[in-house]
């Protein structure tokens, strides 16, 4: 199985400087070693707003702060620890032991299709390159930043068509960035109170937000992951069972690099009678279920739906949350507390919930676990760009359907206002045509690579009220992207008006329903103040 080669190269001096801190300097998948945890976290944090690779960021911004003469840490005791772990794991089957060691891993130059696979697990931490702060205008080695599926190598004409459509999408995106920035500068003149730096950042973010719908799901990105051995094992098993070559190739590279830093935690992955059986189970179950399910859902048109639909909730949910709040403050059993809560007036229940919430002075002040007593299930139909942002909320239950052209695409008003409508629609049409070509050739698993991010994808989010508070308050903040702000505003409204849980909706006091023109303006102003205070 061919593995992709890193686009970046380093000088001999840079390679020597990098060697103590990275498991390799010439491949796109690598682990971080011998660095303080704060440095590892800071490096991955920079992914969000930088087009540079982690190793380049380390050379440019961090190497000078690392102690002179640092070298690889001693391996004394490692062999003994590995043997002890193997014995405990073999004799007791204690999976919890695998939660006690972890690793920082970088996956660079991976498609947006693959990033969603990487970010599937709940109990890992991820940082991904942002389409809001990083313009995809670079052409390393003369090529735009998108992945060409290896499966197309056997079909040269289709591969050529894929490349032609992807190139057109990227060229259109890059060509319109200056014009879109000029459009927004004319629409939103610079305020005297804002510095040139703040104004430039805000206008650039607005332009990139508007145009990101032109980028295909094949667009490559950089992702930083931190997880335990157990979390990496679960991720790798699922990736190795995946139908896409890119995903399986990435998994093999990840396994190779992780064995440089946490080898004892991953011994089962490629053992035929252990990991091999898991992989077979995942792939066989997926294939068999898809075949059976097709007979029940194929050919049926979807009902017309709004962007957000609250499909399931408990009418008594608010009463149950009150009972759950009373639980820790009483000596009574749960069912008796529910009877007491039902006998209260709506005002009494609302008063108790207000007291349980306390005086929340910012959105990070969260109420207790009583809010986990009731759930909401939302069916969402949103552009792929908004989905990418909301998919990051992994502690709730989220599942999505394959990306396609079936649900149409969004068309920001600024696209027409700036004169880009004809180009926008051409890219949409060519993307849809390529998707259909891939699907018709029996390459349906590959077809999502061809779909640009303006196309809608259907997904559901099932969350308890405590999770809903976190998602809604965070994603309706004024600096958020308009697409996901609108989705979470609609969720908040549905909790109050459709579910009738007005006291719960009222507890989400930092849900913001305002309309904002320049989403990043106040946030950039605050960031500039922080930077100035640090230099004083």
Protein backbone atom coordinates (compact mmCIF):
# COMPACT_ATOMS: atom_id res chain seq x y z
CA UNK A 1 0.00 0.00 0.00
CA UNK A 2 1.59 3.28 -1.13
CA UNK A 3 2.04 5.93 1.54
CA UNK A 4 1.96 9.67 0.79
CA UNK A 5 5.19 11.62 1.05
CA UNK A 6 5.46 14.87 3.00
CA UNK A 7 5.56 17.93 0.76
CA UNK A 8 7.95 19.76 3.07
CA UNK A 9 11.69 19.21 3.29
CA UNK A 10 14.28 20.47 5.76
CA UNK A 11 17.93 21.40 5.56
CA UNK A 12 20.49 19.14 7.25
CA UNK A 13 20.81 21.66 10.09
CA UNK A 14 17.03 21.80 10.55
CA UNK A 15 16.81 18.01 10.47
CA UNK A 16 19.37 17.74 13.28
CA UNK A 17 17.45 20.31 15.32
CA UNK A 18 14.14 18.49 14.82
CA UNK A 19 15.39 14.94 15.41
CA UNK A 20 15.18 14.90 19.24
CA UNK A 21 11.59 16.11 19.26
CA UNK A 22 9.80 14.30 16.40
CA UNK A 23 9.66 10.63 15.47
CA UNK A 24 10.59 11.50 11.89
CA UNK A 25 11.42 14.54 9.75
CA UNK A 26 10.43 13.28 6.29
CA UNK A 27 6.89 11.91 6.57
CA UNK A 28 3.49 13.60 7.06
CA UNK A 29 2.49 11.52 10.10
CA UNK A 30 4.68 11.86 13.19
CA UNK A 31 4.59 11.96 16.98
CA UNK A 32 6.03 14.59 19.32
CA UNK A 33 8.69 13.52 21.82
CA UNK A 34 10.85 14.99 24.60
CA UNK A 35 8.93 18.25 24.80
CA UNK A 36 7.09 19.81 27.77
CA UNK A 37 3.34 19.21 27.65
CA UNK A 38 2.75 22.97 27.40
CA UNK A 39 4.94 23.17 24.29
CA UNK A 40 3.13 20.23 22.65
CA UNK A 41 -0.22 21.87 23.35
CA UNK A 42 0.94 25.26 22.11
CA UNK A 43 2.29 23.77 18.88
CA UNK A 44 -1.03 22.11 18.10
CA UNK A 45 -2.93 25.24 19.10
CA UNK A 46 -1.05 27.13 16.37
CA UNK A 47 -2.50 24.73 13.76
CA UNK A 48 -5.78 26.65 13.82
CA UNK A 49 -4.32 29.90 12.50
CA UNK A 50 -1.21 28.96 10.61
CA UNK A 51 -0.54 27.50 7.20
CA UNK A 52 2.79 26.15 8.46
CA UNK A 53 3.46 22.56 9.47
CA UNK A 54 4.11 21.75 13.14
CA UNK A 55 7.80 21.06 12.51
CA UNK A 56 8.22 24.38 10.71
CA UNK A 57 6.37 26.17 13.53
CA UNK A 58 8.69 24.49 16.03
CA UNK A 59 11.77 25.72 14.16
CA UNK A 60 10.43 29.23 13.70
CA UNK A 61 8.76 29.88 17.03
CA UNK A 62 9.74 27.37 19.70
CA UNK A 63 13.23 25.97 19.18
CA UNK A 64 14.94 29.00 20.66
CA UNK A 65 13.04 28.56 23.94
CA UNK A 66 13.98 24.90 24.35
CA UNK A 67 16.93 24.34 26.68
CA UNK A 68 20.30 24.26 24.94
CA UNK A 69 21.66 20.77 24.48
CA UNK A 70 18.39 18.99 25.16
CA UNK A 71 18.52 15.40 24.05
CA UNK A 72 16.33 12.34 24.00
CA UNK A 73 15.21 11.30 27.44
CA UNK A 74 16.69 8.17 28.96
CA UNK A 75 14.98 4.90 28.13
CA UNK A 76 15.98 3.36 31.45
CA UNK A 77 13.08 1.34 32.83
CA UNK A 78 11.11 1.43 29.58
CA UNK A 79 11.63 -2.23 28.72
CA UNK A 80 10.62 -3.28 32.24
CA UNK A 81 7.50 -1.08 32.09
CA UNK A 82 6.55 -2.52 28.69
CA UNK A 83 6.84 -6.06 30.03
CA UNK A 84 4.80 -5.20 33.11
CA UNK A 85 2.10 -3.61 30.96
CA UNK A 86 1.99 -6.63 28.66
CA UNK A 87 1.62 -8.98 31.63
CA UNK A 88 -1.16 -6.95 33.25
CA UNK A 89 -2.96 -6.59 29.96
CA UNK A 90 -2.59 -10.28 29.07
CA UNK A 91 -3.44 -11.73 32.47
CA UNK A 92 -6.20 -9.37 33.55
CA UNK A 93 -7.47 -7.83 30.31
CA UNK A 94 -7.56 -4.50 32.09
CA UNK A 95 -8.36 -2.00 29.33
CA UNK A 96 -8.29 0.83 31.85
CA UNK A 97 -4.51 0.44 32.03
CA UNK A 98 -4.39 1.64 28.43
CA UNK A 99 -5.93 4.93 29.56
CA UNK A 100 -2.84 5.83 31.58
CA UNK A 101 -0.44 6.62 28.74
CA UNK A 102 -0.88 8.92 25.79
CA UNK A 103 0.78 10.62 22.84
CA UNK A 104 0.67 13.76 20.72
CA UNK A 105 0.41 12.89 17.04
CA UNK A 106 0.36 15.14 13.97
CA UNK A 107 -1.43 14.19 10.76
CA UNK A 108 -0.56 16.65 8.01
CA UNK A 109 -1.86 16.95 4.47
CA UNK A 110 -4.96 14.84 5.13
CA UNK A 111 -8.26 15.45 3.35
CA UNK A 112 -11.34 16.89 5.03
CA UNK A 113 -12.98 13.50 4.47
CA UNK A 114 -10.23 11.92 6.56
CA UNK A 115 -10.26 14.63 9.26
CA UNK A 116 -13.85 13.68 10.12
CA UNK A 117 -12.72 10.06 10.58
CA UNK A 118 -9.80 11.15 12.77
CA UNK A 119 -12.11 13.27 14.92
CA UNK A 120 -14.71 10.58 15.49
CA UNK A 121 -13.62 9.49 18.98
CA UNK A 122 -15.05 11.23 22.01
CA UNK A 123 -12.14 10.86 24.40
CA UNK A 124 -9.39 12.56 22.41
CA UNK A 125 -8.34 16.15 21.85
CA UNK A 126 -8.07 17.64 18.36
CA UNK A 127 -6.88 20.87 16.78
CA UNK A 128 -7.44 21.38 13.05
CA UNK A 129 -6.33 24.00 10.57
CA UNK A 130 -9.07 26.59 10.16
CA UNK A 131 -10.60 27.70 6.87
CA UNK A 132 -11.43 30.99 8.60
CA UNK A 133 -7.88 32.09 9.39
CA UNK A 134 -5.81 30.20 6.83
CA UNK A 135 -6.36 30.99 3.13
CA UNK A 136 -5.89 27.94 0.92
CA UNK A 137 -3.89 29.79 -1.70
CA UNK A 138 -0.49 28.10 -1.38
CA UNK A 139 0.62 25.63 -4.06
CA UNK A 140 3.38 23.44 -2.61
CA UNK A 141 5.24 21.73 -5.45
CA UNK A 142 2.95 23.59 -7.85
CA UNK A 143 -0.22 21.79 -6.70
CA UNK A 144 -3.27 23.07 -4.87
CA UNK A 145 -3.87 21.55 -1.45
CA UNK A 146 -6.26 18.72 -2.16
CA UNK A 147 -6.07 14.94 -2.02
CA UNK A 148 -6.39 12.81 -5.15
CA UNK A 149 -7.74 9.38 -4.12
CA UNK A 150 -5.38 6.54 -4.97
CA UNK A 151 -8.36 4.53 -6.19
CA UNK A 152 -8.47 6.81 -9.26
CA UNK A 153 -5.01 5.71 -10.43
CA UNK A 154 -6.62 2.77 -12.21
CA UNK A 155 -8.96 5.09 -14.16
CA UNK A 156 -6.81 7.82 -15.79
CA UNK A 157 -9.67 9.67 -17.58
CA UNK A 158 -11.69 9.93 -14.38
CA UNK A 159 -8.60 10.96 -12.44
CA UNK A 160 -7.92 13.72 -14.97
CA UNK A 161 -11.53 14.93 -14.66
CA UNK A 162 -11.20 14.94 -10.86
CA UNK A 163 -8.05 17.06 -11.01
CA UNK A 164 -9.59 19.48 -13.51
CA UNK A 165 -12.65 20.11 -11.31
CA UNK A 166 -10.58 20.45 -8.13
CA UNK A 167 -8.17 22.88 -9.80
CA UNK A 168 -11.07 25.00 -11.01
CA UNK A 169 -12.60 25.13 -7.52
CA UNK A 170 -9.31 26.23 -5.94
CA UNK A 171 -8.50 28.73 -8.69
CA UNK A 172 -11.95 30.30 -8.32
CA UNK A 173 -11.59 30.45 -4.55
CA UNK A 174 -8.13 32.05 -4.70
CA UNK A 175 -9.10 34.50 -7.45
CA UNK A 176 -12.07 35.85 -5.52
CA UNK A 177 -10.36 36.46 -2.15
CA UNK A 178 -8.97 39.92 -3.05
CA UNK A 179 -12.25 40.96 -4.71
CA UNK A 180 -14.30 39.74 -1.73
CA UNK A 181 -12.02 41.60 0.68
CA UNK A 182 -12.47 44.76 -1.41
CA UNK A 183 -16.25 44.23 -1.34
CA UNK A 184 -16.29 44.02 2.45
CA UNK A 185 -13.93 46.97 2.87
CA UNK A 186 -16.34 49.07 0.82
CA UNK A 187 -19.33 47.77 2.78
CA UNK A 188 -17.70 48.08 6.21
CA UNK A 189 -15.27 51.04 6.30
CA UNK A 190 -12.57 50.99 8.93
CA UNK A 191 -13.51 52.58 12.25
CA UNK A 192 -11.15 55.11 13.80
CA UNK A 193 -11.01 53.00 16.97
CA UNK A 194 -9.60 49.95 15.17
CA UNK A 195 -5.98 49.41 14.24
CA UNK A 196 -4.98 48.39 10.74
CA UNK A 197 -4.16 44.92 12.07
CA UNK A 198 -7.59 44.39 13.63
CA UNK A 199 -9.41 45.67 10.54
CA UNK A 200 -7.33 43.55 8.16
CA UNK A 201 -7.92 40.38 10.22
CA UNK A 202 -11.66 40.98 10.41
CA UNK A 203 -12.04 41.65 6.67
CA UNK A 204 -9.90 38.63 5.78
CA UNK A 205 -11.94 36.34 8.06
CA UNK A 206 -15.19 37.64 6.56
CA UNK A 207 -13.96 37.00 3.02
CA UNK A 208 -12.68 33.50 3.82
CA UNK A 209 -15.91 32.65 5.66
CA UNK A 210 -17.90 33.64 2.59
CA UNK A 211 -15.76 31.75 0.07
CA UNK A 212 -15.02 28.55 1.99
CA UNK A 213 -18.01 26.92 0.33
CA UNK A 214 -15.92 26.70 -2.85
CA UNK A 215 -13.39 24.39 -1.21
CA UNK A 216 -13.98 20.66 -1.81
CA UNK A 217 -14.03 17.97 0.85
CA UNK A 218 -10.79 16.74 -0.77
CA UNK A 219 -9.07 19.89 0.59
CA UNK A 220 -6.14 18.87 2.78
CA UNK A 221 -5.65 20.05 6.33
CA UNK A 222 -3.36 19.58 9.31
CA UNK A 223 -4.70 17.93 12.45
CA UNK A 224 -3.10 17.58 15.86
CA UNK A 225 -4.33 14.76 18.09
CA UNK A 226 -3.75 13.91 21.72
CA UNK A 227 -5.14 10.69 23.11
CA UNK A 228 -4.58 7.75 25.40
CA UNK A 229 -3.34 4.41 24.16
CA UNK A 230 -6.85 3.03 24.44
CA UNK A 231 -8.31 5.89 22.37
CA UNK A 232 -5.67 5.49 19.65
CA UNK A 233 -6.25 1.74 19.51
CA UNK A 234 -10.00 2.21 19.00
CA UNK A 235 -9.39 4.84 16.32
CA UNK A 236 -6.85 2.75 14.42
CA UNK A 237 -9.07 -0.33 14.36
CA UNK A 238 -11.92 1.64 12.81
CA UNK A 239 -9.59 3.33 10.32
CA UNK A 240 -8.07 0.04 9.21
CA UNK A 241 -11.60 -1.24 8.49
CA UNK A 242 -12.50 1.85 6.43
CA UNK A 243 -13.30 1.49 2.70
CA UNK A 244 -11.06 4.43 1.64
CA UNK A 245 -7.39 3.85 0.83
CA UNK A 246 -6.41 7.26 2.27
CA UNK A 247 -7.88 6.36 5.66
CA UNK A 248 -6.25 2.94 5.84
CA UNK A 249 -2.87 4.30 4.69
CA UNK A 250 -3.01 7.02 7.31
CA UNK A 251 -3.84 4.45 10.00
CA UNK A 252 -0.78 2.37 9.12
CA UNK A 253 1.46 5.43 9.28
CA UNK A 254 -0.07 6.45 12.61
CA UNK A 255 0.55 2.98 14.03
CA UNK A 256 4.18 3.11 12.92
CA UNK A 257 4.78 6.46 14.61
CA UNK A 258 2.85 5.65 17.79
CA UNK A 259 5.01 2.57 18.25
CA UNK A 260 7.95 4.94 18.57
CA UNK A 261 6.41 6.51 21.70
CA UNK A 262 3.77 4.16 23.23
CA UNK A 263 4.47 0.73 21.70
CA UNK A 264 3.11 -1.37 24.56
CA UNK A 265 -0.34 0.18 24.24
CA UNK A 266 -0.83 -0.88 20.64
CA UNK A 267 0.33 -4.49 20.54
CA UNK A 268 -3.14 -5.85 19.69
CA UNK A 269 -3.89 -3.67 16.66
CA UNK A 270 -2.33 -5.83 13.95
CA UNK A 271 -2.44 -9.22 15.67
CA UNK A 272 -4.60 -11.40 13.40
CA UNK A 273 -6.51 -13.01 16.27
CA UNK A 274 -7.07 -9.71 18.12
CA UNK A 275 -7.09 -6.50 16.11
CA UNK A 276 -7.54 -8.44 12.88
CA UNK A 277 -10.82 -9.88 14.13
CA UNK A 278 -12.00 -6.43 15.21
CA UNK A 279 -11.21 -4.98 11.80
CA UNK A 280 -13.06 -7.81 10.05
CA UNK A 281 -16.03 -7.31 12.36
CA UNK A 282 -16.25 -3.59 11.59
CA UNK A 283 -15.90 -3.95 7.81
CA UNK A 284 -18.19 -6.98 7.47
CA UNK A 285 -20.90 -5.48 9.68
CA UNK A 286 -20.84 -2.21 7.73
CA UNK A 287 -21.12 -3.95 4.36
CA UNK A 288 -23.89 -6.32 5.45
CA UNK A 289 -25.98 -3.61 7.10
CA UNK A 290 -25.66 -1.19 4.16
CA UNK A 291 -26.84 -3.92 1.81
CA UNK A 292 -29.85 -4.77 3.99
CA UNK A 293 -30.72 -1.13 4.73
CA UNK A 294 -30.74 -0.20 1.04
CA UNK A 295 -33.77 -2.39 0.47
CA UNK A 296 -35.76 -0.33 2.97
CA UNK A 297 -34.73 3.25 2.16
CA UNK A 298 -33.60 3.29 -1.48
CA UNK A 299 -35.76 5.33 -3.83
CA UNK A 300 -37.68 7.13 -1.08
CA UNK A 301 -37.60 10.91 -1.25
CA UNK A 302 -36.90 12.82 1.97
CA UNK A 303 -39.70 14.91 3.46
CA UNK A 304 -39.27 18.66 3.09
CA UNK A 305 -37.63 19.92 6.26
CA UNK A 306 -36.39 23.13 7.81
CA UNK A 307 -32.73 23.66 8.52
CA UNK A 308 -33.21 22.48 12.13
CA UNK A 309 -35.95 20.13 13.34
CA UNK A 310 -36.41 19.04 16.95
CA UNK A 311 -37.43 15.43 16.30
CA UNK A 312 -37.50 14.03 19.83
CA UNK A 313 -37.80 15.37 23.38
CA UNK A 314 -39.44 14.50 26.69
CA UNK A 315 -42.51 16.67 27.41
CA UNK A 316 -41.86 16.07 31.13
CA UNK A 317 -38.14 16.81 30.79
CA UNK A 318 -38.19 20.08 32.68
CA UNK A 319 -40.02 18.48 35.61
CA UNK A 320 -37.46 15.64 35.68
CA UNK A 321 -34.58 18.13 35.71
CA UNK A 322 -36.13 19.79 38.79
CA UNK A 323 -36.44 16.38 40.48
CA UNK A 324 -32.84 15.60 39.64
CA UNK A 325 -31.73 18.94 41.08
CA UNK A 326 -33.57 18.14 44.33
CA UNK A 327 -31.96 14.70 44.57
CA UNK A 328 -28.63 15.78 46.10
CA UNK A 329 -30.39 18.18 48.48
CA UNK A 330 -32.71 15.55 49.96
CA UNK A 331 -32.88 12.01 51.34
CA UNK A 332 -35.79 11.01 49.09
CA UNK A 333 -35.78 8.47 46.22
CA UNK A 334 -35.90 9.58 42.60
CA UNK A 335 -39.49 8.56 41.82
CA UNK A 336 -40.84 10.35 44.89
CA UNK A 337 -38.96 13.52 43.94
CA UNK A 338 -40.51 13.33 40.47
CA UNK A 339 -43.99 13.25 42.05
CA UNK A 340 -43.09 16.27 44.16
CA UNK A 341 -41.77 18.16 41.13
CA UNK A 342 -44.92 17.36 39.13
CA UNK A 343 -47.10 18.72 41.93
CA UNK A 344 -45.31 22.11 41.86
CA UNK A 345 -46.47 25.11 39.90
CA UNK A 346 -44.49 26.11 36.81
CA UNK A 347 -43.31 29.21 38.69
CA UNK A 348 -41.99 27.11 41.59
CA UNK A 349 -40.10 24.84 39.22
CA UNK A 350 -38.64 27.83 37.38
CA UNK A 351 -37.58 29.37 40.69
CA UNK A 352 -35.80 26.18 41.74
CA UNK A 353 -33.98 25.97 38.42
CA UNK A 354 -32.88 29.60 38.69
CA UNK A 355 -31.46 28.87 42.13
CA UNK A 356 -29.78 25.70 40.86
CA UNK A 357 -28.15 27.68 38.04
CA UNK A 358 -26.89 30.35 40.40
CA UNK A 359 -25.50 33.68 39.30
CA UNK A 360 -23.74 32.71 36.06
CA UNK A 361 -21.51 35.63 35.17
CA UNK A 362 -20.08 33.97 32.04
CA UNK A 363 -20.86 30.97 29.84
CA UNK A 364 -18.15 28.85 31.45
CA UNK A 365 -20.16 28.72 34.67
CA UNK A 366 -22.19 25.56 34.12
CA UNK A 367 -24.99 24.14 36.31
CA UNK A 368 -24.76 20.67 37.79
CA UNK A 369 -25.63 17.25 36.39
CA UNK A 370 -29.37 17.61 36.96
CA UNK A 371 -29.48 19.19 33.49
CA UNK A 372 -28.36 15.84 32.08
CA UNK A 373 -31.78 14.38 32.98
CA UNK A 374 -33.50 15.35 29.72
CA UNK A 375 -32.47 15.10 26.07
CA UNK A 376 -33.12 16.81 22.73
CA UNK A 377 -32.59 15.26 19.32
CA UNK A 378 -32.13 17.68 16.44
CA UNK A 379 -32.10 16.75 12.76
CA UNK A 380 -29.97 19.33 10.96
CA UNK A 381 -29.52 20.09 7.26
CA UNK A 382 -26.58 22.47 6.93
CA UNK A 383 -23.69 23.27 4.64
CA UNK A 384 -20.64 21.06 5.11
CA UNK A 385 -18.62 24.00 6.44
CA UNK A 386 -21.03 24.49 9.36
CA UNK A 387 -21.14 20.74 9.95
CA UNK A 388 -17.34 20.66 10.28
CA UNK A 389 -17.58 23.14 13.16
CA UNK A 390 -20.48 21.49 14.96
CA UNK A 391 -19.04 18.00 14.51
CA UNK A 392 -16.29 18.94 16.96
CA UNK A 393 -18.77 18.60 19.84
CA UNK A 394 -18.13 14.93 20.47
CA UNK A 395 -19.43 14.30 24.00
CA UNK A 396 -22.96 14.45 22.68
CA UNK A 397 -24.23 11.90 20.17
CA UNK A 398 -23.71 12.98 16.57
CA UNK A 399 -24.04 10.98 13.36
CA UNK A 400 -23.92 12.17 9.78
CA UNK A 401 -24.89 10.90 6.37
CA UNK A 402 -22.44 10.70 3.45
CA UNK A 403 -21.74 14.07 1.85
CA UNK A 404 -23.45 14.38 -1.54
CA UNK A 405 -25.13 16.87 -3.88
CA UNK A 406 -28.58 15.55 -2.95
CA UNK A 407 -29.58 18.40 -0.60
CA UNK A 408 -28.47 21.37 -2.66
CA UNK A 409 -26.08 24.12 -1.64
CA UNK A 410 -26.03 27.45 0.18
CA UNK A 411 -25.38 30.73 -1.57
CA UNK A 412 -24.19 33.59 0.69
CA UNK A 413 -25.72 36.94 -0.25
CA UNK A 414 -22.25 38.49 -0.48
CA UNK A 415 -21.38 36.14 -3.37
CA UNK A 416 -23.97 37.83 -5.57
CA UNK A 417 -23.28 41.30 -4.15
CA UNK A 418 -19.58 40.98 -5.03
CA UNK A 419 -20.31 39.71 -8.53
CA UNK A 420 -19.12 36.13 -7.97
CA UNK A 421 -22.45 34.38 -8.50
CA UNK A 422 -21.72 32.95 -11.95
CA UNK A 423 -18.39 31.51 -10.83
CA UNK A 424 -19.97 30.17 -7.63
CA UNK A 425 -22.67 28.31 -9.51
CA UNK A 426 -20.21 26.95 -12.07
CA UNK A 427 -18.14 25.39 -9.29
CA UNK A 428 -21.30 23.98 -7.68
CA UNK A 429 -22.45 22.43 -10.96
CA UNK A 430 -19.06 20.93 -11.81
CA UNK A 431 -18.77 19.48 -8.32
CA UNK A 432 -22.21 17.84 -8.64
CA UNK A 433 -21.37 16.43 -12.07
CA UNK A 434 -18.12 14.93 -10.82
CA UNK A 435 -19.91 13.44 -7.81
CA UNK A 436 -22.38 11.71 -10.12
CA UNK A 437 -19.59 10.44 -12.39
CA UNK A 438 -17.79 8.84 -9.45
CA UNK A 439 -20.99 7.30 -8.08
CA UNK A 440 -22.03 5.97 -11.49
CA UNK A 441 -18.63 4.26 -11.93
CA UNK A 442 -19.17 2.26 -8.73
CA UNK A 443 -16.93 4.59 -6.69
CA UNK A 444 -19.58 5.91 -4.32
CA UNK A 445 -17.26 5.89 -1.24
CA UNK A 446 -14.94 8.26 -3.17
CA UNK A 447 -17.68 10.59 -4.38
CA UNK A 448 -17.73 12.86 -1.27
CA UNK A 449 -14.18 14.02 -2.08
CA UNK A 450 -15.65 15.86 -5.08
CA UNK A 451 -18.30 17.77 -3.14
CA UNK A 452 -17.57 21.39 -2.24
CA UNK A 453 -18.36 22.64 1.24
CA UNK A 454 -21.33 24.81 0.24
CA UNK A 455 -23.37 21.64 -0.30
CA UNK A 456 -25.62 20.61 2.54
CA UNK A 457 -25.20 17.46 4.61
CA UNK A 458 -27.76 15.92 6.93
CA UNK A 459 -26.76 15.02 10.49
CA UNK A 460 -28.34 14.68 13.89
CA UNK A 461 -27.22 15.98 17.26
CA UNK A 462 -28.65 14.25 20.33
CA UNK A 463 -27.75 16.01 23.56
CA UNK A 464 -28.86 16.47 27.12
CA UNK A 465 -29.77 19.94 28.37
CA UNK A 466 -26.35 20.47 29.91
CA UNK A 467 -24.61 19.68 26.63
CA UNK A 468 -27.14 21.84 24.78
CA UNK A 469 -26.27 24.76 27.04
CA UNK A 470 -22.58 24.39 26.20
CA UNK A 471 -23.10 24.04 22.44
CA UNK A 472 -25.72 26.76 22.08
CA UNK A 473 -23.98 29.37 24.21
CA UNK A 474 -20.61 28.75 22.59
CA UNK A 475 -21.81 28.56 18.98
CA UNK A 476 -24.14 31.57 19.11
CA UNK A 477 -21.34 33.87 20.30
CA UNK A 478 -21.10 36.97 18.05
CA UNK A 479 -17.68 35.97 16.68
CA UNK A 480 -19.02 32.65 15.36
CA UNK A 481 -19.65 31.80 11.71
CA UNK A 482 -23.15 32.91 10.61
CA UNK A 483 -24.07 29.37 9.47
CA UNK A 484 -23.62 27.60 12.77
CA UNK A 485 -24.80 30.62 14.78
CA UNK A 486 -28.15 30.39 12.99
CA UNK A 487 -28.40 26.63 13.59
CA UNK A 488 -27.81 26.96 17.32
CA UNK A 489 -30.16 29.93 17.61
CA UNK A 490 -32.86 27.74 16.05
CA UNK A 491 -32.04 24.96 18.53
CA UNK A 492 -32.44 27.34 21.43
CA UNK A 493 -35.78 28.58 20.12
CA UNK A 494 -37.01 24.99 19.61
CA UNK A 495 -36.18 24.02 23.21
CA UNK A 496 -38.34 26.88 24.45
CA UNK A 497 -41.19 26.84 21.95
CA UNK A 498 -41.41 23.28 20.57
CA UNK A 499 -40.41 21.32 23.68
CA UNK A 500 -41.98 23.97 25.94
CA UNK A 501 -38.94 23.88 28.24
CA UNK A 502 -38.85 27.62 28.77
CA UNK A 503 -37.10 27.47 32.13
CA UNK A 504 -34.29 25.33 30.65
CA UNK A 505 -34.00 27.64 27.64
CA UNK A 506 -33.99 30.60 30.03
CA UNK A 507 -31.08 29.08 31.94
CA UNK A 508 -29.02 29.42 28.74
CA UNK A 509 -28.62 33.10 29.43
CA UNK A 510 -25.58 33.50 27.18
CA UNK A 511 -27.38 32.27 24.04
CA UNK A 512 -26.98 35.21 21.66
CA UNK A 513 -29.71 35.87 19.09
CA UNK A 514 -28.27 39.13 17.80
CA UNK A 515 -27.39 39.68 14.14
CA UNK A 516 -23.75 40.57 13.61
CA UNK A 517 -22.22 41.99 10.44
CA UNK A 518 -18.48 41.63 11.12
CA UNK A 519 -18.43 38.53 13.31
CA UNK A 520 -14.77 38.70 14.34
CA UNK A 521 -14.60 42.44 15.09
CA UNK A 522 -15.13 42.50 18.86
CA UNK A 523 -13.08 39.34 19.34
CA UNK A 524 -10.13 40.82 17.40
CA UNK A 525 -10.39 44.02 19.44
CA UNK A 526 -10.22 41.99 22.64
CA UNK A 527 -7.26 39.99 21.34
CA UNK A 528 -5.37 43.17 20.52
CA UNK A 529 -5.96 44.49 24.05
CA UNK A 530 -4.61 41.24 25.49
CA UNK A 531 -1.53 41.40 23.28
CA UNK A 532 -0.89 45.00 24.30
CA UNK A 533 -1.22 44.16 28.00
CA UNK A 534 1.32 41.33 27.63
CA UNK A 535 3.91 43.66 26.09
CA UNK A 536 3.56 46.37 28.71
